[in-house]
PDB file of N, CA and C in Angstrom:
ATOM      1  N   MET A   1     258.123 116.842 121.107  1.00  0.00           N
ATOM      2  CA  MET A   1     257.640 117.182 120.140  1.00  0.00           C
ATOM      3  C   MET A   1     258.634 116.701 119.068  1.00  0.00           C
ATOM      4  N   PRO A   2     257.651 116.717 117.965  1.00  0.00           N
ATOM      5  CA  PRO A   2     257.732 115.887 116.546  1.00  0.00           C
ATOM      6  C   PRO A   2     258.676 117.202 115.913  1.00  0.00           C
ATOM      7  N   THR A   3     259.723 116.898 115.083  1.00  0.00           N
ATOM      8  CA  THR A   3     260.481 117.690 114.527  1.00  0.00           C
ATOM      9  C   THR A   3     259.743 117.619 112.788  1.00  0.00           C
ATOM     10  N   ILE A   4     259.793 118.818 111.972  1.00  0.00           N
ATOM     11  CA  ILE A   4     259.566 118.704 110.634  1.00  0.00           C
ATOM     12  C   ILE A   4     260.977 119.363 109.970  1.00  0.00           C
ATOM     13  N   ILE A   5     261.504 118.728 108.692  1.00  0.00           N
ATOM     14  CA  ILE A   5     262.424 119.181 108.064  1.00  0.00           C
ATOM     15  C   ILE A   5     262.197 120.201 106.256  1.00  0.00           C
ATOM     16  N   PHE A   6     262.053 121.450 106.743  1.00  0.00           N
ATOM     17  CA  PHE A   6     261.337 121.959 105.138  1.00  0.00           C
ATOM     18  C   PHE A   6     262.587 122.402 104.260  1.00  0.00           C
ATOM     19  N   HIS A   7     262.439 121.866 103.437  1.00  0.00           N
ATOM     20  CA  HIS A   7     263.602 121.704 101.999  1.00  0.00           C
ATOM     21  C   HIS A   7     263.205 123.044 101.442  1.00  0.00           C
ATOM     22  N   SER A   8     263.638 123.934 101.576  1.00  0.00           N
ATOM     23  CA  SER A   8     263.065 125.038 100.447  1.00  0.00           C
ATOM     24  C   SER A   8     263.386 125.062  99.128  1.00  0.00           C
ATOM     25  N   PRO A   9     263.303 125.858  98.261  1.00  0.00           N
ATOM     26  CA  PRO A   9     263.350 125.352  96.746  1.00  0.00           C
ATOM     27  C   PRO A   9     264.816 126.026  96.460  1.00  0.00           C
ATOM     28  N   ASP A  10     265.232 127.113  97.043  1.00  0.00           N
ATOM     29  CA  ASP A  10     266.762 127.376  96.798  1.00  0.00           C
ATOM     30  C   ASP A  10     267.367 126.860  97.873  1.00  0.00           C
ATOM     31  N   GLY A  11     267.322 125.235  97.960  1.00  0.00           N
ATOM     32  CA  GLY A  11     268.371 124.109  99.087  1.00  0.00           C
ATOM     33  C   GLY A  11     268.276 124.762 100.738  1.00  0.00           C
ATOM     34  N   THR A  12     267.849 125.958 100.391  1.00  0.00           N
ATOM     35  CA  THR A  12     268.024 126.019 102.375  1.00  0.00           C
ATOM     36  C   THR A  12     266.622 125.114 103.083  1.00  0.00           C
ATOM     37  N   THR A  13     266.806 124.704 104.637  1.00  0.00           N
ATOM     38  CA  THR A  13     266.777 123.926 104.941  1.00  0.00           C
ATOM     39  C   THR A  13     266.600 124.367 106.119  1.00  0.00           C
ATOM     40  N   HIS A  14     264.802 123.714 106.723  1.00  0.00           N
ATOM     41  CA  HIS A  14     264.909 124.888 107.914  1.00  0.00           C
ATOM     42  C   HIS A  14     264.150 123.606 108.989  1.00  0.00           C
ATOM     43  N   LYS A  15     265.005 123.820 109.929  1.00  0.00           N
ATOM     44  CA  LYS A  15     264.267 122.707 110.655  1.00  0.00           C
ATOM     45  C   LYS A  15     263.485 123.005 112.315  1.00  0.00           C
ATOM     46  N   VAL A  16     262.024 122.436 112.287  1.00  0.00           N
ATOM     47  CA  VAL A  16     261.419 122.880 112.859  1.00  0.00           C
ATOM     48  C   VAL A  16     260.892 121.901 114.375  1.00  0.00           C
ATOM     49  N   GLU A  17     260.033 122.541 115.699  1.00  0.00           N
ATOM     50  CA  GLU A  17     259.672 121.742 116.024  1.00  0.00           C
ATOM     51  C   GLU A  17     257.965 121.884 116.266  1.00  0.00           C
ATOM     52  N   ALA A  18     257.314 120.886 115.785  1.00  0.00           N
ATOM     53  CA  ALA A  18     255.402 120.932 115.580  1.00  0.00           C
ATOM     54  C   ALA A  18     255.204 120.158 116.808  1.00  0.00           C
ATOM     55  N   ARG A  19     253.937 120.786 117.041  1.00  0.00           N
ATOM     56  CA  ARG A  19     253.278 120.530 118.350  1.00  0.00           C
ATOM     57  C   ARG A  19     252.808 119.269 117.823  1.00  0.00           C
ATOM     58  N   VAL A  20     252.147 118.549 118.305  1.00  0.00           N
ATOM     59  CA  VAL A  20     251.101 117.334 118.476  1.00  0.00           C
ATOM     60  C   VAL A  20     249.703 117.566 117.353  1.00  0.00           C
ATOM     61  N   GLY A  21     249.205 117.287 116.542  1.00  0.00           N
ATOM     62  CA  GLY A  21     247.897 117.651 116.676  1.00  0.00           C
ATOM     63  C   GLY A  21     247.780 118.692 115.239  1.00  0.00           C
ATOM     64  N   ALA A  22     249.190 119.841 115.052  1.00  0.00           N
ATOM     65  CA  ALA A  22     249.580 120.860 114.880  1.00  0.00           C
ATOM     66  C   ALA A  22     249.153 120.165 113.039  1.00  0.00           C
ATOM     67  N   SER A  23     248.866 121.234 111.866  1.00  0.00           N
ATOM     68  CA  SER A  23     248.966 120.806 110.349  1.00  0.00           C
ATOM     69  C   SER A  23     251.092 121.406 110.289  1.00  0.00           C
ATOM     70  N   ALA A  24     251.169 120.587 109.214  1.00  0.00           N
ATOM     71  CA  ALA A  24     252.531 120.906 108.586  1.00  0.00           C
ATOM     72  C   ALA A  24     252.405 122.519 108.278  1.00  0.00           C
ATOM     73  N   MET A  25     251.361 122.615 107.679  1.00  0.00           N
ATOM     74  CA  MET A  25     251.556 124.147 107.253  1.00  0.00           C
ATOM     75  C   MET A  25     251.272 124.884 108.439  1.00  0.00           C
ATOM     76  N   GLU A  26     250.196 124.691 109.590  1.00  0.00           N
ATOM     77  CA  GLU A  26     250.444 125.718 110.728  1.00  0.00           C
ATOM     78  C   GLU A  26     251.667 126.395 111.410  1.00  0.00           C
ATOM     79  N   THR A  27     252.157 124.781 111.276  1.00  0.00           N
ATOM     80  CA  THR A  27     253.750 124.788 111.714  1.00  0.00           C
ATOM     81  C   THR A  27     254.563 126.245 111.225  1.00  0.00           C
ATOM     82  N   ALA A  28     254.557 125.416 109.917  1.00  0.00           N
ATOM     83  CA  ALA A  28     255.256 126.653 108.862  1.00  0.00           C
ATOM     84  C   ALA A  28     255.400 128.043 109.020  1.00  0.00           C
ATOM     85  N   ILE A  29     253.663 128.321 108.888  1.00  0.00           N
ATOM     86  CA  ILE A  29     253.427 129.877 109.208  1.00  0.00           C
ATOM     87  C   ILE A  29     253.566 130.520 110.063  1.00  0.00           C
ATOM     88  N   LYS A  30     253.331 129.344 111.691  1.00  0.00           N
ATOM     89  CA  LYS A  30     253.815 129.969 112.949  1.00  0.00           C
ATOM     90  C   LYS A  30     255.241 130.256 113.554  1.00  0.00           C
ATOM     91  N   LEU A  31     255.975 129.152 112.703  1.00  0.00           N
ATOM     92  CA  LEU A  31     257.521 129.566 112.770  1.00  0.00           C
ATOM     93  C   LEU A  31     258.304 130.012 112.077  1.00  0.00           C
ATOM     94  N   GLY A  32     257.684 130.754 110.880  1.00  0.00           N
ATOM     95  CA  GLY A  32     258.122 131.642 109.721  1.00  0.00           C
ATOM     96  C   GLY A  32     258.929 131.053 108.781  1.00  0.00           C
ATOM     97  N   VAL A  33     258.305 129.983 108.194  1.00  0.00           N
ATOM     98  CA  VAL A  33     259.078 128.966 107.431  1.00  0.00           C
ATOM     99  C   VAL A  33     258.571 129.361 105.992  1.00  0.00           C
ATOM    100  N   PRO A  34     259.813 130.234 105.095  1.00  0.00           N
ATOM    101  CA  PRO A  34     259.494 130.834 103.964  1.00  0.00           C
ATOM    102  C   PRO A  34     258.886 129.748 102.732  1.00  0.00           C
ATOM    103  N   GLY A  35     257.983 130.252 102.403  1.00  0.00           N
ATOM    104  CA  GLY A  35     257.543 129.231 101.156  1.00  0.00           C
ATOM    105  C   GLY A  35     256.003 128.831 100.936  1.00  0.00           C
ATOM    106  N   ILE A  36     255.919 128.553 102.305  1.00  0.00           N
ATOM    107  CA  ILE A  36     254.796 128.085 102.802  1.00  0.00           C
ATOM    108  C   ILE A  36     253.842 129.766 102.213  1.00  0.00           C
ATOM    109  N   VAL A  37     252.652 129.980 101.342  1.00  0.00           N
ATOM    110  CA  VAL A  37     251.981 131.113 101.297  1.00  0.00           C
ATOM    111  C   VAL A  37     250.720 130.765 102.393  1.00  0.00           C
ATOM    112  N   ALA A  38     249.849 129.498 102.200  1.00  0.00           N
ATOM    113  CA  ALA A  38     248.741 129.000 103.045  1.00  0.00           C
ATOM    114  C   ALA A  38     247.626 130.644 102.769  1.00  0.00           C
ATOM    115  N   GLU A  39     246.388 130.534 101.929  1.00  0.00           N
ATOM    116  CA  GLU A  39     246.243 131.713 101.564  1.00  0.00           C
ATOM    117  C   GLU A  39     244.857 131.384 102.164  1.00  0.00           C
ATOM    118  N   CYS A  40     244.399 130.535 102.180  1.00  0.00           N
ATOM    119  CA  CYS A  40     243.088 129.956 102.989  1.00  0.00           C
ATOM    120  C   CYS A  40     243.008 129.796 104.355  1.00  0.00           C
ATOM    121  N   GLY A  41     244.865 129.439 104.968  1.00  0.00           N
ATOM    122  CA  GLY A  41     244.486 128.984 106.731  1.00  0.00           C
ATOM    123  C   GLY A  41     244.554 127.986 106.555  1.00  0.00           C
ATOM    124  N   GLY A  42     244.521 127.207 105.449  1.00  0.00           N
ATOM    125  CA  GLY A  42     244.325 125.496 106.305  1.00  0.00           C
ATOM    126  C   GLY A  42     242.913 125.016 106.088  1.00  0.00           C
ATOM    127  N   ALA A  43     241.709 125.990 104.809  1.00  0.00           N
ATOM    128  CA  ALA A  43     240.474 125.033 104.907  1.00  0.00           C
ATOM    129  C   ALA A  43     240.351 124.288 103.817  1.00  0.00           C
ATOM    130  N   LEU A  44     241.545 124.146 102.860  1.00  0.00           N
ATOM    131  CA  LEU A  44     241.333 123.381 102.244  1.00  0.00           C
ATOM    132  C   LEU A  44     240.552 124.017 101.247  1.00  0.00           C
ATOM    133  N   ALA A  45     241.252 125.019 101.134  1.00  0.00           N
ATOM    134  CA  ALA A  45     240.396 125.779  99.441  1.00  0.00           C
ATOM    135  C   ALA A  45     241.932 126.703  98.649  1.00  0.00           C
ATOM    136  N   CYS A  46     242.873 126.056  98.570  1.00  0.00           N
ATOM    137  CA  CYS A  46     243.668 126.724  97.695  1.00  0.00           C
ATOM    138  C   CYS A  46     244.762 125.530  97.620  1.00  0.00           C
ATOM    139  N   ALA A  47     245.667 125.715  97.220  1.00  0.00           N
ATOM    140  CA  ALA A  47     246.865 125.031  97.033  1.00  0.00           C
ATOM    141  C   ALA A  47     248.191 125.407  96.721  1.00  0.00           C
ATOM    142  N   THR A  48     247.981 126.633  98.129  1.00  0.00           N
ATOM    143  CA  THR A  48     249.157 127.401  98.149  1.00  0.00           C
ATOM    144  C   THR A  48     249.970 126.686  99.419  1.00  0.00           C
ATOM    145  N   CYS A  49     250.471 125.297  99.625  1.00  0.00           N
ATOM    146  CA  CYS A  49     250.930 125.160 100.986  1.00  0.00           C
ATOM    147  C   CYS A  49     251.398 123.463 100.473  1.00  0.00           C
ATOM    148  N   HIS A  50     251.427 123.720  98.833  1.00  0.00           N
ATOM    149  CA  HIS A  50     252.400 122.587  97.835  1.00  0.00           C
ATOM    150  C   HIS A  50     253.397 122.071  98.571  1.00  0.00           C
ATOM    151  N   VAL A  51     253.672 120.528  99.103  1.00  0.00           N
ATOM    152  CA  VAL A  51     254.744 120.118  99.638  1.00  0.00           C
ATOM    153  C   VAL A  51     255.515 119.134  98.813  1.00  0.00           C
ATOM    154  N   PHE A  52     256.258 118.601  98.591  1.00  0.00           N
ATOM    155  CA  PHE A  52     256.964 116.991  98.121  1.00  0.00           C
ATOM    156  C   PHE A  52     256.872 116.378  99.337  1.00  0.00           C
ATOM    157  N   VAL A  53     256.225 114.819 100.048  1.00  0.00           N
ATOM    158  CA  VAL A  53     256.801 114.477 100.622  1.00  0.00           C
ATOM    159  C   VAL A  53     258.345 113.466 100.340  1.00  0.00           C
ATOM    160  N   ASP A  54     259.138 113.366 101.152  1.00  0.00           N
ATOM    161  CA  ASP A  54     260.500 112.895 101.008  1.00  0.00           C
ATOM    162  C   ASP A  54     259.788 111.688 100.704  1.00  0.00           C
ATOM    163  N   PRO A  55     260.426 110.683  99.611  1.00  0.00           N
ATOM    164  CA  PRO A  55     259.926 109.180  99.688  1.00  0.00           C
ATOM    165  C   PRO A  55     259.631 108.336 101.037  1.00  0.00           C
ATOM    166  N   GLN A  56     260.504 108.575 101.425  1.00  0.00           N
ATOM    167  CA  GLN A  56     261.162 108.009 102.941  1.00  0.00           C
ATOM    168  C   GLN A  56     259.661 107.377 104.004  1.00  0.00           C
ATOM    169  N   TRP A  57     259.131 108.947 103.991  1.00  0.00           N
ATOM    170  CA  TRP A  57     257.961 109.037 104.826  1.00  0.00           C
ATOM    171  C   TRP A  57     256.370 108.958 103.914  1.00  0.00           C
ATOM    172  N   ILE A  58     256.671 108.622 102.738  1.00  0.00           N
ATOM    173  CA  ILE A  58     254.975 108.355 101.694  1.00  0.00           C
ATOM    174  C   ILE A  58     254.389 107.447 102.797  1.00  0.00           C
ATOM    175  N   GLU A  59     255.029 105.978 103.152  1.00  0.00           N
ATOM    176  CA  GLU A  59     253.194 105.662 103.707  1.00  0.00           C
ATOM    177  C   GLU A  59     253.257 105.936 105.285  1.00  0.00           C
ATOM    178  N   ALA A  60     254.020 106.398 105.692  1.00  0.00           N
ATOM    179  CA  ALA A  60     253.264 107.341 106.977  1.00  0.00           C
ATOM    180  C   ALA A  60     251.982 107.923 106.876  1.00  0.00           C
ATOM    181  N   THR A  61     252.583 109.102 106.138  1.00  0.00           N
ATOM    182  CA  THR A  61     251.908 110.639 106.007  1.00  0.00           C
ATOM    183  C   THR A  61     250.112 109.780 105.068  1.00  0.00           C
ATOM    184  N   GLY A  62     250.188 108.693 104.467  1.00  0.00           N
ATOM    185  CA  GLY A  62     249.306 108.153 103.432  1.00  0.00           C
ATOM    186  C   GLY A  62     248.782 109.165 102.773  1.00  0.00           C
ATOM    187  N   VAL A  63     248.173 108.882 101.933  1.00  0.00           N
ATOM    188  CA  VAL A  63     247.731 109.236 100.459  1.00  0.00           C
ATOM    189  C   VAL A  63     246.290 110.514 100.962  1.00  0.00           C
ATOM    190  N   ALA A  64     246.718 111.620  99.659  1.00  0.00           N
ATOM    191  CA  ALA A  64     246.104 112.059 100.033  1.00  0.00           C
ATOM    192  C   ALA A  64     244.121 111.973  99.684  1.00  0.00           C
ATOM    193  N   GLU A  65     243.248 112.300 100.350  1.00  0.00           N
ATOM    194  CA  GLU A  65     242.118 112.111  99.994  1.00  0.00           C
ATOM    195  C   GLU A  65     241.619 112.790  99.073  1.00  0.00           C
ATOM    196  N   ASP A  66     240.398 111.771  98.666  1.00  0.00           N
ATOM    197  CA  ASP A  66     239.879 113.228  97.148  1.00  0.00           C
ATOM    198  C   ASP A  66     239.477 114.684  97.269  1.00  0.00           C
ATOM    199  N   PHE A  67     239.344 115.785  97.907  1.00  0.00           N
ATOM    200  CA  PHE A  67     239.180 116.919  97.874  1.00  0.00           C
ATOM    201  C   PHE A  67     240.587 117.102  97.797  1.00  0.00           C
ATOM    202  N   GLU A  68     241.751 116.731  98.898  1.00  0.00           N
ATOM    203  CA  GLU A  68     243.122 117.500  98.543  1.00  0.00           C
ATOM    204  C   GLU A  68     243.707 117.081  97.042  1.00  0.00           C
ATOM    205  N   ASP A  69     243.462 115.846  96.622  1.00  0.00           N
ATOM    206  CA  ASP A  69     243.647 115.014  95.788  1.00  0.00           C
ATOM    207  C   ASP A  69     243.514 116.456  94.340  1.00  0.00           C
ATOM    208  N   GLU A  70     241.769 116.342  94.615  1.00  0.00           N
ATOM    209  CA  GLU A  70     241.006 117.753  93.423  1.00  0.00           C
ATOM    210  C   GLU A  70     241.906 118.901  93.323  1.00  0.00           C
ATOM    211  N   MET A  71     242.352 119.032  94.796  1.00  0.00           N
ATOM    212  CA  MET A  71     242.703 120.789  95.069  1.00  0.00           C
ATOM    213  C   MET A  71     244.281 120.755  94.623  1.00  0.00           C
ATOM    214  N   LEU A  72     245.242 119.508  94.616  1.00  0.00           N
ATOM    215  CA  LEU A  72     246.607 119.271  94.163  1.00  0.00           C
ATOM    216  C   LEU A  72     246.672 119.876  92.271  1.00  0.00           C
ATOM    217  N   ASP A  73     245.375 119.038  92.024  1.00  0.00           N
ATOM    218  CA  ASP A  73     245.300 119.628  90.443  1.00  0.00           C
ATOM    219  C   ASP A  73     245.629 121.088  89.826  1.00  0.00           C
ATOM    220  N   ASP A  74     244.764 121.933  90.966  1.00  0.00           N
ATOM    221  CA  ASP A  74     244.793 123.394  90.172  1.00  0.00           C
ATOM    222  C   ASP A  74     246.567 124.185  91.053  1.00  0.00           C
ATOM    223  N   ALA A  75     247.321 123.262  91.517  1.00  0.00           N
ATOM    224  CA  ALA A  75     248.566 123.638  92.024  1.00  0.00           C
ATOM    225  C   ALA A  75     249.157 124.671  90.902  1.00  0.00           C
ATOM    226  N   GLU A  76     250.201 125.586  91.778  1.00  0.00           N
ATOM    227  CA  GLU A  76     250.904 126.118  90.510  1.00  0.00           C
ATOM    228  C   GLU A  76     252.033 125.364  89.853  1.00  0.00           C
ATOM    229  N   THR A  77     252.566 124.720  91.231  1.00  0.00           N
ATOM    230  CA  THR A  77     253.828 123.899  90.352  1.00  0.00           C
ATOM    231  C   THR A  77     253.305 122.797  90.511  1.00  0.00           C
ATOM    232  N   PRO A  78     253.479 121.954  89.241  1.00  0.00           N
ATOM    233  CA  PRO A  78     252.314 120.569  88.596  1.00  0.00           C
ATOM    234  C   PRO A  78     252.806 119.948  89.395  1.00  0.00           C
ATOM    235  N   ARG A  79     251.733 118.931  89.887  1.00  0.00           N
ATOM    236  CA  ARG A  79     251.791 118.119  90.546  1.00  0.00           C
ATOM    237  C   ARG A  79     251.891 116.409  90.637  1.00  0.00           C
ATOM    238  N   GLN A  80     253.007 116.226  91.609  1.00  0.00           N
ATOM    239  CA  GLN A  80     253.764 114.966  91.660  1.00  0.00           C
ATOM    240  C   GLN A  80     253.408 113.515  92.428  1.00  0.00           C
ATOM    241  N   GLU A  81     253.871 112.606  92.451  1.00  0.00           N
ATOM    242  CA  GLU A  81     253.360 111.498  92.730  1.00  0.00           C
ATOM    243  C   GLU A  81     253.242 111.678  94.365  1.00  0.00           C
ATOM    244  N   ARG A  82     254.613 112.671  94.291  1.00  0.00           N
ATOM    245  CA  ARG A  82     254.991 112.688  96.181  1.00  0.00           C
ATOM    246  C   ARG A  82     254.075 114.219  96.829  1.00  0.00           C
ATOM    247  N   SER A  83     253.309 114.388  96.400  1.00  0.00           N
ATOM    248  CA  SER A  83     252.851 115.949  96.181  1.00  0.00           C
ATOM    249  C   SER A  83     251.680 116.039  97.356  1.00  0.00           C
ATOM    250  N   ARG A  84     251.573 116.489  98.522  1.00  0.00           N
ATOM    251  CA  ARG A  84     250.365 116.909  99.485  1.00  0.00           C
ATOM    252  C   ARG A  84     250.066 118.859  99.503  1.00  0.00           C
ATOM    253  N   LEU A  85     248.803 118.611 100.422  1.00  0.00           N
ATOM    254  CA  LEU A  85     249.000 119.819 100.834  1.00  0.00           C
ATOM    255  C   LEU A  85     249.475 119.491 102.139  1.00  0.00           C
ATOM    256  N   SER A  86     250.418 120.632 102.397  1.00  0.00           N
ATOM    257  CA  SER A  86     250.696 120.577 104.072  1.00  0.00           C
ATOM    258  C   SER A  86     250.212 120.812 104.847  1.00  0.00           C
ATOM    259  N   CYS A  87     248.835 121.443 104.285  1.00  0.00           N
ATOM    260  CA  CYS A  87     247.627 121.979 105.675  1.00  0.00           C
ATOM    261  C   CYS A  87     246.931 120.882 106.288  1.00  0.00           C
ATOM    262  N   GLN A  88     247.257 119.642 105.175  1.00  0.00           N
ATOM    263  CA  GLN A  88     246.259 118.335 104.990  1.00  0.00           C
ATOM    264  C   GLN A  88     247.393 117.173 105.961  1.00  0.00           C
ATOM    265  N   LEU A  89     248.843 117.697 106.398  1.00  0.00           N
ATOM    266  CA  LEU A  89     249.104 116.537 107.087  1.00  0.00           C
ATOM    267  C   LEU A  89     249.394 117.133 108.709  1.00  0.00           C
ATOM    268  N   ARG A  90     248.933 116.150 109.386  1.00  0.00           N
ATOM    269  CA  ARG A  90     248.500 116.473 111.185  1.00  0.00           C
ATOM    270  C   ARG A  90     249.963 115.893 111.958  1.00  0.00           C
ATOM    271  N   MET A  91     250.171 116.691 112.344  1.00  0.00           N
ATOM    272  CA  MET A  91     251.884 115.990 113.395  1.00  0.00           C
ATOM    273  C   MET A  91     251.289 115.043 114.234  1.00  0.00           C
ATOM    274  N   THR A  92     252.471 113.879 114.637  1.00  0.00           N
ATOM    275  CA  THR A  92     251.719 112.920 115.480  1.00  0.00           C
ATOM    276  C   THR A  92     253.686 112.757 115.985  1.00  0.00           C
ATOM    277  N   GLU A  93     253.514 111.716 117.167  1.00  0.00           N
ATOM    278  CA  GLU A  93     255.371 111.572 117.881  1.00  0.00           C
ATOM    279  C   GLU A  93     255.601 110.699 116.330  1.00  0.00           C
ATOM    280  N   GLU A  94     254.889 110.009 115.685  1.00  0.00           N
ATOM    281  CA  GLU A  94     255.320 108.938 114.541  1.00  0.00           C
ATOM    282  C   GLU A  94     255.938 109.637 113.419  1.00  0.00           C
ATOM    283  N   LEU A  95     255.318 110.814 113.591  1.00  0.00           N
ATOM    284  CA  LEU A  95     256.460 111.697 111.914  1.00  0.00           C
ATOM    285  C   LEU A  95     257.258 112.571 112.088  1.00  0.00           C
ATOM    286  N   ASP A  96     258.151 112.052 113.754  1.00  0.00           N
ATOM    287  CA  ASP A  96     258.690 112.885 114.105  1.00  0.00           C
ATOM    288  C   ASP A  96     260.632 113.076 113.396  1.00  0.00           C
ATOM    289  N   GLY A  97     260.722 113.993 112.172  1.00  0.00           N
ATOM    290  CA  GLY A  97     261.931 114.384 111.463  1.00  0.00           C
ATOM    291  C   GLY A  97     261.070 114.048 109.900  1.00  0.00           C
ATOM    292  N   LEU A  98     259.974 114.195 110.095  1.00  0.00           N
ATOM    293  CA  LEU A  98     259.401 114.408 108.418  1.00  0.00           C
ATOM    294  C   LEU A  98     259.918 115.517 107.650  1.00  0.00           C
ATOM    295  N   GLU A  99     260.208 115.085 106.486  1.00  0.00           N
ATOM    296  CA  GLU A  99     260.710 115.338 105.256  1.00  0.00           C
ATOM    297  C   GLU A  99     259.923 116.256 104.621  1.00  0.00           C
ATOM    298  N   LEU A 100     259.980 117.410 104.230  1.00  0.00           N
ATOM    299  CA  LEU A 100     259.461 117.923 103.493  1.00  0.00           C
ATOM    300  C   LEU A 100     259.636 119.436 102.217  1.00  0.00           C
ATOM    301  N   THR A 101     259.592 118.962 101.006  1.00  0.00           N
ATOM    302  CA  THR A 101     259.950 119.648 100.341  1.00  0.00           C
ATOM    303  C   THR A 101     259.452 121.038  99.882  1.00  0.00           C
ATOM    304  N   ILE A 102     258.794 121.989 100.218  1.00  0.00           N
ATOM    305  CA  ILE A 102     258.179 123.411  99.525  1.00  0.00           C
ATOM    306  C   ILE A 102     258.436 122.895  97.932  1.00  0.00           C
ATOM    307  N   ALA A 103     257.633 123.399  96.900  1.00  0.00           N
ATOM    308  CA  ALA A 103     256.977 123.369  95.875  1.00  0.00           C
ATOM    309  C   ALA A 103     257.249 124.591  95.252  1.00  0.00           C
ATOM    310  N   PRO A 104     258.098 125.061  94.234  1.00  0.00           N
ATOM    311  CA  PRO A 104     258.597 126.581  94.325  1.00  0.00           C
ATOM    312  C   PRO A 104     257.652 127.498  93.984  1.00  0.00           C
ATOM    313  N   GLU A 105     256.963 127.268  93.484  1.00  0.00           N
ATOM    314  CA  GLU A 105     255.410 128.173  92.682  1.00  0.00           C
ATOM    315  C   GLU A 105     254.485 127.860  93.733  1.00  0.00           C
ATOM    316  N   GLN A 106     253.785 128.749  94.614  1.00  0.00           N
ATOM    317  CA  GLN A 106     252.563 128.224  95.057  1.00  0.00           C
ATOM    318  C   GLN A 106     251.416 129.341  94.795  1.00  0.00           C
TER     319      GLN A 106
END
């Protein structure tokens, strides 16, 4: 099972195991990682699962598609170059060790 390392705005770290095919958001909610609100439940209808992808993982996670990109414009925390919605990050074995920083405002 691939692992995800979530860094919270308060500096705490949560290392969790994800199911292949699950989104990073689903994993965070299921395992109680604080800070991911996920109001829409992963339907790409809000921006309350906003994370910043660690620079070493940018290439592996790819870029946001158009609709995700538009949703990030409405995120509570201003978007950055590394911004993604965690509901759109599907876990694979290749993403084992993925590091995400949870945006301070959801």
